[in-house]
């Protein structure tokens, strides 16, 4: 009889470790996606979704089983080894079975056995539906709580990792869409050093028109002295309707209304302003109302889509590179000294 109790105690201890080693976790696919697939007659998704709805019952059932096994180990240990040694054995098992259950060997054994038995347990719970409903407690970590993103950067990282779901164009569009609200005008504008302009009193003769066409811009700011005094916008397409190009000046042909936007405004504000004013070009200014750049509708759309939009009149792809190249010659007299 004692030998039987000893063997039974050891077997119950092993069962306790195996049950404690079972890890029931939510499926990696969200319930929303499982539900979407299930509505599309995906039988595998339906089975997984049904299993997700019973997770709480499964975990509670395992905890009950673990508690019963621990009680049985205590009683059998006392019967096999006596009160003193049995109590010591039960205490040792109570303190260590959790750590033993977390070892790789116990985890592999527990996972293998549970993978085979889980479908049978679920069917058993279905048969005992009224009783199994009482096992519904908050025993499972709700994975849906953790399917959230605490920053745009975190969501952007997930988008970049979704190569099996999203195409390269989709990832590019979503990534730039996330960043769009945080970008400012000065990040995408044409910098001051790359601005081509025309003085308001300049005659629009054939030579001037040829030079303007070679610049590769569809619109040019018209200045009264310098870039800090822009008085109009010249649209090169309007020049085609001039009857006498030799006598016309930029001031007579230009659009007199000039729209300004601050360099620290967001691109969302800029896009709303473009839609509201129905214009395609804004002059970018700083706090002193000095011209620091030009912002076109194309600049904003490119920042939103993440791809370059080449106007048929554009020649330069990267105006920031043009500004850097022109800037190499700024403020460099023969006797210049950089401090």
C-alpha atoms as a PDB file:
ATOM      1  CA  UNK A   1       0.000   0.000   0.000  1.00  0.00           C
ATOM      2  CA  UNK A   2       2.819   2.422   0.857  1.00  0.00           C
ATOM      3  CA  UNK A   3       4.580   1.598  -2.414  1.00  0.00           C
ATOM      4  CA  UNK A   4       1.383   2.312  -4.333  1.00  0.00           C
ATOM      5  CA  UNK A   5       0.967   5.675  -2.575  1.00  0.00           C
ATOM      6  CA  UNK A   6       4.584   6.599  -3.329  1.00  0.00           C
ATOM      7  CA  UNK A   7       4.142   5.792  -7.033  1.00  0.00           C
ATOM      8  CA  UNK A   8       0.808   7.636  -7.073  1.00  0.00           C
ATOM      9  CA  UNK A   9       2.375  10.671  -5.393  1.00  0.00           C
ATOM     10  CA  UNK A  10       5.142  10.795  -7.993  1.00  0.00           C
ATOM     11  CA  UNK A  11       2.689  10.407 -10.863  1.00  0.00           C
ATOM     12  CA  UNK A  12       0.464  13.159  -9.476  1.00  0.00           C
ATOM     13  CA  UNK A  13       3.521  15.398  -9.091  1.00  0.00           C
ATOM     14  CA  UNK A  14       4.438  14.818 -12.738  1.00  0.00           C
ATOM     15  CA  UNK A  15       0.849  15.544 -13.808  1.00  0.00           C
ATOM     16  CA  UNK A  16       0.890  18.721 -11.721  1.00  0.00           C
ATOM     17  CA  UNK A  17       4.058  19.911 -13.449  1.00  0.00           C
ATOM     18  CA  UNK A  18       2.629  19.104 -16.891  1.00  0.00           C
ATOM     19  CA  UNK A  19      -0.633  20.962 -16.206  1.00  0.00           C
ATOM     20  CA  UNK A  20       1.242  23.940 -14.761  1.00  0.00           C
ATOM     21  CA  UNK A  21       3.410  24.016 -17.891  1.00  0.00           C
ATOM     22  CA  UNK A  22       0.460  24.501 -20.246  1.00  0.00           C
ATOM     23  CA  UNK A  23       0.370  28.022 -21.705  1.00  0.00           C
ATOM     24  CA  UNK A  24      -2.931  29.016 -23.271  1.00  0.00           C
ATOM     25  CA  UNK A  25      -2.461  32.186 -25.284  1.00  0.00           C
ATOM     26  CA  UNK A  26      -4.703  34.090 -27.703  1.00  0.00           C
ATOM     27  CA  UNK A  27      -4.131  33.541 -31.392  1.00  0.00           C
ATOM     28  CA  UNK A  28      -1.681  35.849 -33.110  1.00  0.00           C
ATOM     29  CA  UNK A  29      -4.429  36.978 -35.512  1.00  0.00           C
ATOM     30  CA  UNK A  30      -6.828  39.519 -34.036  1.00  0.00           C
ATOM     31  CA  UNK A  31     -10.450  38.639 -33.408  1.00  0.00           C
ATOM     32  CA  UNK A  32     -11.513  41.281 -35.885  1.00  0.00           C
ATOM     33  CA  UNK A  33      -9.516  39.620 -38.649  1.00  0.00           C
ATOM     34  CA  UNK A  34     -10.709  36.163 -37.609  1.00  0.00           C
ATOM     35  CA  UNK A  35     -14.296  37.411 -37.726  1.00  0.00           C
ATOM     36  CA  UNK A  36     -13.717  38.916 -41.172  1.00  0.00           C
ATOM     37  CA  UNK A  37     -12.287  35.664 -42.478  1.00  0.00           C
ATOM     38  CA  UNK A  38     -15.038  33.648 -40.824  1.00  0.00           C
ATOM     39  CA  UNK A  39     -17.698  35.645 -42.677  1.00  0.00           C
ATOM     40  CA  UNK A  40     -15.900  34.666 -45.863  1.00  0.00           C
ATOM     41  CA  UNK A  41     -16.557  30.998 -45.134  1.00  0.00           C
ATOM     42  CA  UNK A  42     -13.063  30.267 -43.868  1.00  0.00           C
ATOM     43  CA  UNK A  43     -13.631  27.124 -41.792  1.00  0.00           C
ATOM     44  CA  UNK A  44     -10.209  27.323 -40.112  1.00  0.00           C
ATOM     45  CA  UNK A  45     -10.897  30.900 -39.007  1.00  0.00           C
ATOM     46  CA  UNK A  46     -14.275  29.852 -37.616  1.00  0.00           C
ATOM     47  CA  UNK A  47     -12.656  27.135 -35.502  1.00  0.00           C
ATOM     48  CA  UNK A  48     -10.005  29.513 -34.206  1.00  0.00           C
ATOM     49  CA  UNK A  49     -12.621  32.150 -33.415  1.00  0.00           C
ATOM     50  CA  UNK A  50     -14.693  29.634 -31.465  1.00  0.00           C
ATOM     51  CA  UNK A  51     -11.582  28.653 -29.549  1.00  0.00           C
ATOM     52  CA  UNK A  52     -10.840  32.325 -28.781  1.00  0.00           C
ATOM     53  CA  UNK A  53     -14.289  32.665 -27.233  1.00  0.00           C
ATOM     54  CA  UNK A  54     -13.585  29.739 -24.881  1.00  0.00           C
ATOM     55  CA  UNK A  55     -10.123  30.801 -23.694  1.00  0.00           C
ATOM     56  CA  UNK A  56     -11.386  31.975 -20.328  1.00  0.00           C
ATOM     57  CA  UNK A  57     -13.080  28.652 -19.715  1.00  0.00           C
ATOM     58  CA  UNK A  58      -9.973  26.698 -20.701  1.00  0.00           C
ATOM     59  CA  UNK A  59      -7.663  28.658 -18.430  1.00  0.00           C
ATOM     60  CA  UNK A  60     -10.067  28.440 -15.496  1.00  0.00           C
ATOM     61  CA  UNK A  61     -10.451  24.704 -16.026  1.00  0.00           C
ATOM     62  CA  UNK A  62      -6.672  24.231 -16.006  1.00  0.00           C
ATOM     63  CA  UNK A  63      -6.349  26.267 -12.811  1.00  0.00           C
ATOM     64  CA  UNK A  64      -9.004  24.146 -11.128  1.00  0.00           C
ATOM     65  CA  UNK A  65      -7.252  20.986 -12.286  1.00  0.00           C
ATOM     66  CA  UNK A  66      -3.915  22.308 -11.040  1.00  0.00           C
ATOM     67  CA  UNK A  67      -5.390  23.072  -7.612  1.00  0.00           C
ATOM     68  CA  UNK A  68      -6.981  19.619  -7.333  1.00  0.00           C
ATOM     69  CA  UNK A  69      -3.728  17.921  -8.297  1.00  0.00           C
ATOM     70  CA  UNK A  70      -1.839  19.924  -5.686  1.00  0.00           C
ATOM     71  CA  UNK A  71      -4.336  18.879  -2.991  1.00  0.00           C
ATOM     72  CA  UNK A  72      -4.059  15.226  -4.060  1.00  0.00           C
ATOM     73  CA  UNK A  73      -0.246  15.428  -3.945  1.00  0.00           C
ATOM     74  CA  UNK A  74      -0.436  16.707  -0.368  1.00  0.00           C
ATOM     75  CA  UNK A  75      -2.771  13.921   0.814  1.00  0.00           C
ATOM     76  CA  UNK A  76      -0.909  11.167  -1.011  1.00  0.00           C
ATOM     77  CA  UNK A  77       2.473  12.435   0.203  1.00  0.00           C
ATOM     78  CA  UNK A  78       1.286  12.389   3.817  1.00  0.00           C
ATOM     79  CA  UNK A  79      -0.137   8.902   3.360  1.00  0.00           C
ATOM     80  CA  UNK A  80       3.050   7.647   1.717  1.00  0.00           C
ATOM     81  CA  UNK A  81       5.738   9.331   3.808  1.00  0.00           C
ATOM     82  CA  UNK A  82       3.951  10.199   7.053  1.00  0.00           C
ATOM     83  CA  UNK A  83       2.978  13.579   8.462  1.00  0.00           C
ATOM     84  CA  UNK A  84       6.476  15.022   8.810  1.00  0.00           C
ATOM     85  CA  UNK A  85       8.147  13.886   5.606  1.00  0.00           C
ATOM     86  CA  UNK A  86       4.889  14.049   3.677  1.00  0.00           C
ATOM     87  CA  UNK A  87       4.352  17.671   4.705  1.00  0.00           C
ATOM     88  CA  UNK A  88       7.949  18.520   3.767  1.00  0.00           C
ATOM     89  CA  UNK A  89       7.542  16.835   0.373  1.00  0.00           C
ATOM     90  CA  UNK A  90       4.251  18.658  -0.256  1.00  0.00           C
ATOM     91  CA  UNK A  91       5.845  21.967   0.751  1.00  0.00           C
ATOM     92  CA  UNK A  92       8.806  21.338  -1.563  1.00  0.00           C
ATOM     93  CA  UNK A  93       6.499  20.513  -4.464  1.00  0.00           C
ATOM     94  CA  UNK A  94       4.349  23.586  -3.806  1.00  0.00           C
ATOM     95  CA  UNK A  95       7.394  25.865  -3.909  1.00  0.00           C
ATOM     96  CA  UNK A  96       9.124  24.351  -6.926  1.00  0.00           C
ATOM     97  CA  UNK A  97       6.533  22.897  -9.320  1.00  0.00           C
ATOM     98  CA  UNK A  98       6.001  26.282 -11.003  1.00  0.00           C
ATOM     99  CA  UNK A  99       9.707  26.750 -11.731  1.00  0.00           C
ATOM    100  CA  UNK A 100      10.051  23.168 -12.961  1.00  0.00           C
ATOM    101  CA  UNK A 101       7.029  23.657 -15.224  1.00  0.00           C
ATOM    102  CA  UNK A 102       8.778  26.589 -16.894  1.00  0.00           C
ATOM    103  CA  UNK A 103      11.810  24.545 -17.969  1.00  0.00           C
ATOM    104  CA  UNK A 104      12.159  23.856 -21.689  1.00  0.00           C
ATOM    105  CA  UNK A 105      11.665  20.094 -21.305  1.00  0.00           C
ATOM    106  CA  UNK A 106       8.463  20.506 -19.287  1.00  0.00           C
ATOM    107  CA  UNK A 107       7.208  23.175 -21.692  1.00  0.00           C
ATOM    108  CA  UNK A 108       7.732  20.938 -24.730  1.00  0.00           C
ATOM    109  CA  UNK A 109       5.999  18.002 -23.044  1.00  0.00           C
ATOM    110  CA  UNK A 110       3.108  20.162 -21.828  1.00  0.00           C
ATOM    111  CA  UNK A 111       2.639  21.823 -25.233  1.00  0.00           C
ATOM    112  CA  UNK A 112       2.663  18.496 -27.076  1.00  0.00           C
ATOM    113  CA  UNK A 113       0.119  16.897 -24.768  1.00  0.00           C
ATOM    114  CA  UNK A 114      -2.137  19.963 -24.674  1.00  0.00           C
ATOM    115  CA  UNK A 115      -2.100  20.336 -28.446  1.00  0.00           C
ATOM    116  CA  UNK A 116      -3.575  16.843 -28.726  1.00  0.00           C
ATOM    117  CA  UNK A 117      -6.047  17.172 -25.891  1.00  0.00           C
ATOM    118  CA  UNK A 118      -7.371  20.724 -26.403  1.00  0.00           C
ATOM    119  CA  UNK A 119      -9.912  19.787 -29.132  1.00  0.00           C
ATOM    120  CA  UNK A 120     -11.323  17.059 -26.876  1.00  0.00           C
ATOM    121  CA  UNK A 121     -11.528  19.487 -23.945  1.00  0.00           C
ATOM    122  CA  UNK A 122     -13.403  21.995 -26.109  1.00  0.00           C
ATOM    123  CA  UNK A 123     -15.897  19.362 -27.213  1.00  0.00           C
ATOM    124  CA  UNK A 124     -16.354  18.368 -23.577  1.00  0.00           C
ATOM    125  CA  UNK A 125     -17.036  21.981 -22.638  1.00  0.00           C
ATOM    126  CA  UNK A 126     -19.619  22.228 -25.427  1.00  0.00           C
ATOM    127  CA  UNK A 127     -21.477  19.247 -24.028  1.00  0.00           C
ATOM    128  CA  UNK A 128     -21.461  20.783 -20.571  1.00  0.00           C
ATOM    129  CA  UNK A 129     -22.408  24.228 -21.817  1.00  0.00           C
ATOM    130  CA  UNK A 130     -24.502  25.326 -18.800  1.00  0.00           C
ATOM    131  CA  UNK A 131     -21.747  24.297 -16.397  1.00  0.00           C
ATOM    132  CA  UNK A 132     -18.859  25.576 -18.491  1.00  0.00           C
ATOM    133  CA  UNK A 133     -20.372  29.072 -18.613  1.00  0.00           C
ATOM    134  CA  UNK A 134     -19.743  29.373 -14.886  1.00  0.00           C
ATOM    135  CA  UNK A 135     -16.024  29.075 -15.664  1.00  0.00           C
ATOM    136  CA  UNK A 136     -16.038  32.362 -17.563  1.00  0.00           C
ATOM    137  CA  UNK A 137     -13.809  34.665 -15.553  1.00  0.00           C
ATOM    138  CA  UNK A 138     -11.160  37.162 -16.497  1.00  0.00           C
ATOM    139  CA  UNK A 139      -8.491  34.502 -16.497  1.00  0.00           C
ATOM    140  CA  UNK A 140      -6.916  35.290 -19.829  1.00  0.00           C
ATOM    141  CA  UNK A 141      -4.863  38.286 -20.817  1.00  0.00           C
ATOM    142  CA  UNK A 142      -6.938  39.952 -23.488  1.00  0.00           C
ATOM    143  CA  UNK A 143      -4.685  40.205 -26.499  1.00  0.00           C
ATOM    144  CA  UNK A 144      -6.993  42.803 -28.021  1.00  0.00           C
ATOM    145  CA  UNK A 145      -5.880  45.223 -25.295  1.00  0.00           C
ATOM    146  CA  UNK A 146      -2.352  44.962 -26.626  1.00  0.00           C
ATOM    147  CA  UNK A 147      -3.263  45.256 -30.281  1.00  0.00           C
ATOM    148  CA  UNK A 148      -2.894  49.014 -30.065  1.00  0.00           C
ATOM    149  CA  UNK A 149      -0.200  51.502 -30.956  1.00  0.00           C
ATOM    150  CA  UNK A 150       1.052  54.213 -28.666  1.00  0.00           C
ATOM    151  CA  UNK A 151       2.884  56.227 -31.320  1.00  0.00           C
ATOM    152  CA  UNK A 152       2.913  56.871 -35.025  1.00  0.00           C
ATOM    153  CA  UNK A 153       6.437  55.481 -35.150  1.00  0.00           C
ATOM    154  CA  UNK A 154       5.261  52.150 -33.737  1.00  0.00           C
ATOM    155  CA  UNK A 155       2.463  51.898 -36.281  1.00  0.00           C
ATOM    156  CA  UNK A 156       4.890  52.913 -39.028  1.00  0.00           C
ATOM    157  CA  UNK A 157       7.233  50.086 -38.041  1.00  0.00           C
ATOM    158  CA  UNK A 158       4.373  47.592 -38.306  1.00  0.00           C
ATOM    159  CA  UNK A 159       3.514  48.931 -41.753  1.00  0.00           C
ATOM    160  CA  UNK A 160       7.091  48.408 -42.920  1.00  0.00           C
ATOM    161  CA  UNK A 161       7.007  44.837 -41.584  1.00  0.00           C
ATOM    162  CA  UNK A 162       3.761  44.016 -43.425  1.00  0.00           C
ATOM    163  CA  UNK A 163       5.456  43.056 -46.683  1.00  0.00           C
ATOM    164  CA  UNK A 164       3.294  39.952 -47.098  1.00  0.00           C
ATOM    165  CA  UNK A 165       0.088  42.001 -46.918  1.00  0.00           C
ATOM    166  CA  UNK A 166       0.922  45.409 -48.364  1.00  0.00           C
ATOM    167  CA  UNK A 167       2.681  46.228 -51.607  1.00  0.00           C
ATOM    168  CA  UNK A 168       5.638  48.590 -51.677  1.00  0.00           C
ATOM    169  CA  UNK A 169       3.388  51.409 -52.926  1.00  0.00           C
ATOM    170  CA  UNK A 170       0.836  50.738 -50.188  1.00  0.00           C
ATOM    171  CA  UNK A 171       3.528  50.849 -47.488  1.00  0.00           C
ATOM    172  CA  UNK A 172       4.940  54.055 -48.934  1.00  0.00           C
ATOM    173  CA  UNK A 173       1.519  55.714 -49.056  1.00  0.00           C
ATOM    174  CA  UNK A 174       0.582  54.677 -45.513  1.00  0.00           C
ATOM    175  CA  UNK A 175       3.960  55.658 -44.050  1.00  0.00           C
ATOM    176  CA  UNK A 176       3.899  59.129 -45.559  1.00  0.00           C
ATOM    177  CA  UNK A 177       0.242  59.507 -44.628  1.00  0.00           C
ATOM    178  CA  UNK A 178       1.163  58.893 -40.981  1.00  0.00           C
ATOM    179  CA  UNK A 179       3.987  61.413 -41.111  1.00  0.00           C
ATOM    180  CA  UNK A 180       2.005  64.035 -43.007  1.00  0.00           C
ATOM    181  CA  UNK A 181       0.299  65.576 -39.975  1.00  0.00           C
ATOM    182  CA  UNK A 182       3.645  66.120 -38.236  1.00  0.00           C
ATOM    183  CA  UNK A 183       5.483  67.716 -41.157  1.00  0.00           C
ATOM    184  CA  UNK A 184       5.891  71.454 -41.521  1.00  0.00           C
ATOM    185  CA  UNK A 185       6.015  73.720 -44.525  1.00  0.00           C
ATOM    186  CA  UNK A 186       9.768  74.368 -44.295  1.00  0.00           C
ATOM    187  CA  UNK A 187      10.471  70.631 -44.703  1.00  0.00           C
ATOM    188  CA  UNK A 188       9.074  70.400 -48.250  1.00  0.00           C
ATOM    189  CA  UNK A 189       9.124  73.963 -49.613  1.00  0.00           C
ATOM    190  CA  UNK A 190      11.434  75.207 -52.346  1.00  0.00           C
ATOM    191  CA  UNK A 191      14.160  77.020 -50.377  1.00  0.00           C
ATOM    192  CA  UNK A 192      14.905  80.667 -51.024  1.00  0.00           C
ATOM    193  CA  UNK A 193      18.252  79.923 -52.689  1.00  0.00           C
ATOM    194  CA  UNK A 194      16.479  77.867 -55.369  1.00  0.00           C
ATOM    195  CA  UNK A 195      13.767  80.430 -56.148  1.00  0.00           C
ATOM    196  CA  UNK A 196      13.754  81.872 -59.659  1.00  0.00           C
ATOM    197  CA  UNK A 197      11.921  85.176 -59.970  1.00  0.00           C
ATOM    198  CA  UNK A 198      11.289  88.034 -62.363  1.00  0.00           C
ATOM    199  CA  UNK A 199      11.168  91.772 -61.694  1.00  0.00           C
ATOM    200  CA  UNK A 200       7.833  93.471 -62.187  1.00  0.00           C
ATOM    201  CA  UNK A 201       9.171  95.973 -64.738  1.00  0.00           C
ATOM    202  CA  UNK A 202      10.875  93.416 -66.969  1.00  0.00           C
ATOM    203  CA  UNK A 203       9.571  93.277 -70.536  1.00  0.00           C
ATOM    204  CA  UNK A 204       8.399  89.897 -71.752  1.00  0.00           C
ATOM    205  CA  UNK A 205      10.158  89.849 -75.100  1.00  0.00           C
ATOM    206  CA  UNK A 206      11.065  86.710 -77.056  1.00  0.00           C
ATOM    207  CA  UNK A 207      14.478  86.403 -75.369  1.00  0.00           C
ATOM    208  CA  UNK A 208      12.995  86.772 -71.893  1.00  0.00           C
ATOM    209  CA  UNK A 209      10.260  84.264 -72.666  1.00  0.00           C
ATOM    210  CA  UNK A 210      12.837  81.761 -73.875  1.00  0.00           C
ATOM    211  CA  UNK A 211      14.846  82.206 -70.685  1.00  0.00           C
ATOM    212  CA  UNK A 212      11.719  81.760 -68.531  1.00  0.00           C
ATOM    213  CA  UNK A 213      10.818  78.593 -70.387  1.00  0.00           C
ATOM    214  CA  UNK A 214      14.324  77.200 -69.851  1.00  0.00           C
ATOM    215  CA  UNK A 215      13.981  77.692 -66.102  1.00  0.00           C
ATOM    216  CA  UNK A 216      11.477  74.849 -66.048  1.00  0.00           C
ATOM    217  CA  UNK A 217       8.822  76.425 -63.804  1.00  0.00           C
ATOM    218  CA  UNK A 218       5.143  76.940 -64.573  1.00  0.00           C
ATOM    219  CA  UNK A 219       4.839  79.839 -62.094  1.00  0.00           C
ATOM    220  CA  UNK A 220       7.288  82.538 -61.054  1.00  0.00           C
ATOM    221  CA  UNK A 221       7.101  85.128 -58.284  1.00  0.00           C
ATOM    222  CA  UNK A 222       7.242  88.722 -59.474  1.00  0.00           C
ATOM    223  CA  UNK A 223       9.377  90.968 -57.270  1.00  0.00           C
ATOM    224  CA  UNK A 224       9.614  94.661 -56.604  1.00  0.00           C
ATOM    225  CA  UNK A 225      13.334  94.861 -55.920  1.00  0.00           C
ATOM    226  CA  UNK A 226      14.071  91.573 -54.099  1.00  0.00           C
ATOM    227  CA  UNK A 227      12.469  88.345 -52.897  1.00  0.00           C
ATOM    228  CA  UNK A 228      11.300  89.990 -49.690  1.00  0.00           C
ATOM    229  CA  UNK A 229       8.951  92.138 -51.785  1.00  0.00           C
ATOM    230  CA  UNK A 230       6.931  89.741 -53.949  1.00  0.00           C
ATOM    231  CA  UNK A 231       4.065  91.611 -55.590  1.00  0.00           C
ATOM    232  CA  UNK A 232       2.540  88.972 -57.831  1.00  0.00           C
ATOM    233  CA  UNK A 233       2.691  85.524 -59.445  1.00  0.00           C
ATOM    234  CA  UNK A 234       3.408  85.086 -63.145  1.00  0.00           C
ATOM    235  CA  UNK A 235       1.880  82.030 -64.804  1.00  0.00           C
ATOM    236  CA  UNK A 236       3.855  81.196 -67.921  1.00  0.00           C
ATOM    237  CA  UNK A 237       0.832  79.678 -69.647  1.00  0.00           C
ATOM    238  CA  UNK A 238      -0.881  83.077 -69.548  1.00  0.00           C
ATOM    239  CA  UNK A 239       1.889  84.437 -71.757  1.00  0.00           C
ATOM    240  CA  UNK A 240       0.596  82.383 -74.672  1.00  0.00           C
ATOM    241  CA  UNK A 241      -2.495  84.609 -74.895  1.00  0.00           C
ATOM    242  CA  UNK A 242      -0.561  87.883 -75.131  1.00  0.00           C
ATOM    243  CA  UNK A 243      -1.201  89.816 -78.332  1.00  0.00           C
ATOM    244  CA  UNK A 244       1.935  91.918 -78.102  1.00  0.00           C
ATOM    245  CA  UNK A 245       4.608  90.202 -76.055  1.00  0.00           C
ATOM    246  CA  UNK A 246       7.177  92.891 -76.778  1.00  0.00           C
ATOM    247  CA  UNK A 247       5.290  95.665 -74.952  1.00  0.00           C
ATOM    248  CA  UNK A 248       3.986  93.629 -72.007  1.00  0.00           C
ATOM    249  CA  UNK A 249       5.733  93.718 -68.665  1.00  0.00           C
ATOM    250  CA  UNK A 250       5.551  91.100 -65.933  1.00  0.00           C
ATOM    251  CA  UNK A 251       3.507  93.510 -63.790  1.00  0.00           C
ATOM    252  CA  UNK A 252       0.754  93.714 -66.420  1.00  0.00           C
ATOM    253  CA  UNK A 253       0.453  89.945 -66.901  1.00  0.00           C
ATOM    254  CA  UNK A 254       0.965  88.707 -63.342  1.00  0.00           C
ATOM    255  CA  UNK A 255      -1.720  87.726 -60.887  1.00  0.00           C
ATOM    256  CA  UNK A 256      -1.673  90.447 -58.247  1.00  0.00           C
ATOM    257  CA  UNK A 257      -3.038  88.452 -55.347  1.00  0.00           C
ATOM    258  CA  UNK A 258      -0.212  86.827 -53.391  1.00  0.00           C
ATOM    259  CA  UNK A 259      -0.892  84.237 -50.696  1.00  0.00           C
ATOM    260  CA  UNK A 260       1.537  83.841 -47.818  1.00  0.00           C
ATOM    261  CA  UNK A 261       2.017  80.963 -45.398  1.00  0.00           C
ATOM    262  CA  UNK A 262       4.308  80.678 -42.393  1.00  0.00           C
ATOM    263  CA  UNK A 263       7.245  78.281 -42.518  1.00  0.00           C
ATOM    264  CA  UNK A 264       6.211  76.624 -39.232  1.00  0.00           C
ATOM    265  CA  UNK A 265       2.656  75.844 -40.349  1.00  0.00           C
ATOM    266  CA  UNK A 266       1.798  72.179 -40.776  1.00  0.00           C
ATOM    267  CA  UNK A 267       1.223  70.577 -44.148  1.00  0.00           C
ATOM    268  CA  UNK A 268      -2.341  69.795 -43.078  1.00  0.00           C
ATOM    269  CA  UNK A 269      -2.929  73.529 -42.673  1.00  0.00           C
ATOM    270  CA  UNK A 270      -1.258  74.165 -46.025  1.00  0.00           C
ATOM    271  CA  UNK A 271      -3.367  71.571 -47.846  1.00  0.00           C
ATOM    272  CA  UNK A 272      -6.545  73.025 -46.359  1.00  0.00           C
ATOM    273  CA  UNK A 273      -5.406  76.493 -47.456  1.00  0.00           C
ATOM    274  CA  UNK A 274      -4.756  75.293 -51.012  1.00  0.00           C
ATOM    275  CA  UNK A 275      -8.235  73.796 -51.190  1.00  0.00           C
ATOM    276  CA  UNK A 276      -9.865  76.885 -49.667  1.00  0.00           C
ATOM    277  CA  UNK A 277      -8.080  79.434 -51.896  1.00  0.00           C
ATOM    278  CA  UNK A 278      -7.954  77.253 -55.026  1.00  0.00           C
ATOM    279  CA  UNK A 279      -4.381  78.402 -55.632  1.00  0.00           C
ATOM    280  CA  UNK A 280      -1.289  76.378 -56.502  1.00  0.00           C
ATOM    281  CA  UNK A 281       1.538  78.480 -55.051  1.00  0.00           C
ATOM    282  CA  UNK A 282       2.151  80.127 -51.694  1.00  0.00           C
ATOM    283  CA  UNK A 283       5.015  82.355 -50.601  1.00  0.00           C
ATOM    284  CA  UNK A 284       6.595  81.031 -47.413  1.00  0.00           C
ATOM    285  CA  UNK A 285       7.623  83.650 -44.839  1.00  0.00           C
ATOM    286  CA  UNK A 286       9.249  83.672 -41.404  1.00  0.00           C
ATOM    287  CA  UNK A 287       8.374  85.640 -38.293  1.00  0.00           C
ATOM    288  CA  UNK A 288       9.824  88.822 -39.816  1.00  0.00           C
ATOM    289  CA  UNK A 289       7.758  88.357 -43.005  1.00  0.00           C
ATOM    290  CA  UNK A 290      10.925  87.640 -44.952  1.00  0.00           C
ATOM    291  CA  UNK A 291      10.626  85.264 -47.878  1.00  0.00           C
ATOM    292  CA  UNK A 292      12.224  81.909 -47.010  1.00  0.00           C
ATOM    293  CA  UNK A 293      10.768  79.760 -49.768  1.00  0.00           C
ATOM    294  CA  UNK A 294       7.893  78.810 -52.036  1.00  0.00           C
ATOM    295  CA  UNK A 295       5.320  76.108 -51.421  1.00  0.00           C
ATOM    296  CA  UNK A 296       3.366  74.550 -54.272  1.00  0.00           C
ATOM    297  CA  UNK A 297       0.389  72.239 -54.185  1.00  0.00           C
ATOM    298  CA  UNK A 298       2.590  69.598 -55.784  1.00  0.00           C
ATOM    299  CA  UNK A 299       4.999  69.811 -52.823  1.00  0.00           C
ATOM    300  CA  UNK A 300       2.200  69.037 -50.380  1.00  0.00           C
ATOM    301  CA  UNK A 301       0.731  66.214 -52.461  1.00  0.00           C
ATOM    302  CA  UNK A 302       4.170  64.649 -52.880  1.00  0.00           C
ATOM    303  CA  UNK A 303       4.658  64.706 -49.099  1.00  0.00           C
ATOM    304  CA  UNK A 304       1.280  63.017 -48.670  1.00  0.00           C
ATOM    305  CA  UNK A 305       1.761  60.342 -51.346  1.00  0.00           C
ATOM    306  CA  UNK A 306       5.459  59.763 -50.825  1.00  0.00           C
ATOM    307  CA  UNK A 307       6.288  59.985 -54.507  1.00  0.00           C
ATOM    308  CA  UNK A 308       7.552  62.651 -56.868  1.00  0.00           C
ATOM    309  CA  UNK A 309       5.082  64.430 -59.124  1.00  0.00           C
ATOM    310  CA  UNK A 310       6.863  65.917 -62.095  1.00  0.00           C
ATOM    311  CA  UNK A 311       5.075  68.827 -63.717  1.00  0.00           C
ATOM    312  CA  UNK A 312       5.462  68.940 -67.493  1.00  0.00           C
ATOM    313  CA  UNK A 313       7.288  72.244 -67.081  1.00  0.00           C
ATOM    314  CA  UNK A 314       9.634  71.052 -64.303  1.00  0.00           C
ATOM    315  CA  UNK A 315      13.300  70.531 -65.057  1.00  0.00           C
ATOM    316  CA  UNK A 316      14.851  70.013 -61.613  1.00  0.00           C
ATOM    317  CA  UNK A 317      13.769  67.032 -59.525  1.00  0.00           C
ATOM    318  CA  UNK A 318      15.434  68.101 -56.258  1.00  0.00           C
ATOM    319  CA  UNK A 319      15.176  71.845 -55.640  1.00  0.00           C
ATOM    320  CA  UNK A 320      16.866  71.469 -52.267  1.00  0.00           C
ATOM    321  CA  UNK A 321      19.934  70.164 -54.118  1.00  0.00           C
ATOM    322  CA  UNK A 322      19.701  73.160 -56.443  1.00  0.00           C
ATOM    323  CA  UNK A 323      19.595  75.469 -53.407  1.00  0.00           C
ATOM    324  CA  UNK A 324      22.669  73.820 -51.896  1.00  0.00           C
ATOM    325  CA  UNK A 325      24.538  74.135 -55.192  1.00  0.00           C
ATOM    326  CA  UNK A 326      23.638  77.802 -55.575  1.00  0.00           C
ATOM    327  CA  UNK A 327      24.406  78.420 -51.927  1.00  0.00           C
ATOM    328  CA  UNK A 328      28.023  77.448 -52.487  1.00  0.00           C
ATOM    329  CA  UNK A 329      28.489  80.778 -54.270  1.00  0.00           C
ATOM    330  CA  UNK A 330      26.672  82.986 -51.766  1.00  0.00           C
ATOM    331  CA  UNK A 331      28.647  85.546 -49.692  1.00  0.00           C
ATOM    332  CA  UNK A 332      32.052  84.558 -51.079  1.00  0.00           C
ATOM    333  CA  UNK A 333      33.985  87.692 -52.088  1.00  0.00           C
ATOM    334  CA  UNK A 334      37.690  87.431 -52.677  1.00  0.00           C
ATOM    335  CA  UNK A 335      38.503  88.643 -49.158  1.00  0.00           C
ATOM    336  CA  UNK A 336      35.817  86.677 -47.270  1.00  0.00           C
ATOM    337  CA  UNK A 337      36.573  85.321 -43.809  1.00  0.00           C
ATOM    338  CA  UNK A 338      34.447  82.636 -42.109  1.00  0.00           C
ATOM    339  CA  UNK A 339      34.487  82.880 -38.314  1.00  0.00           C
END
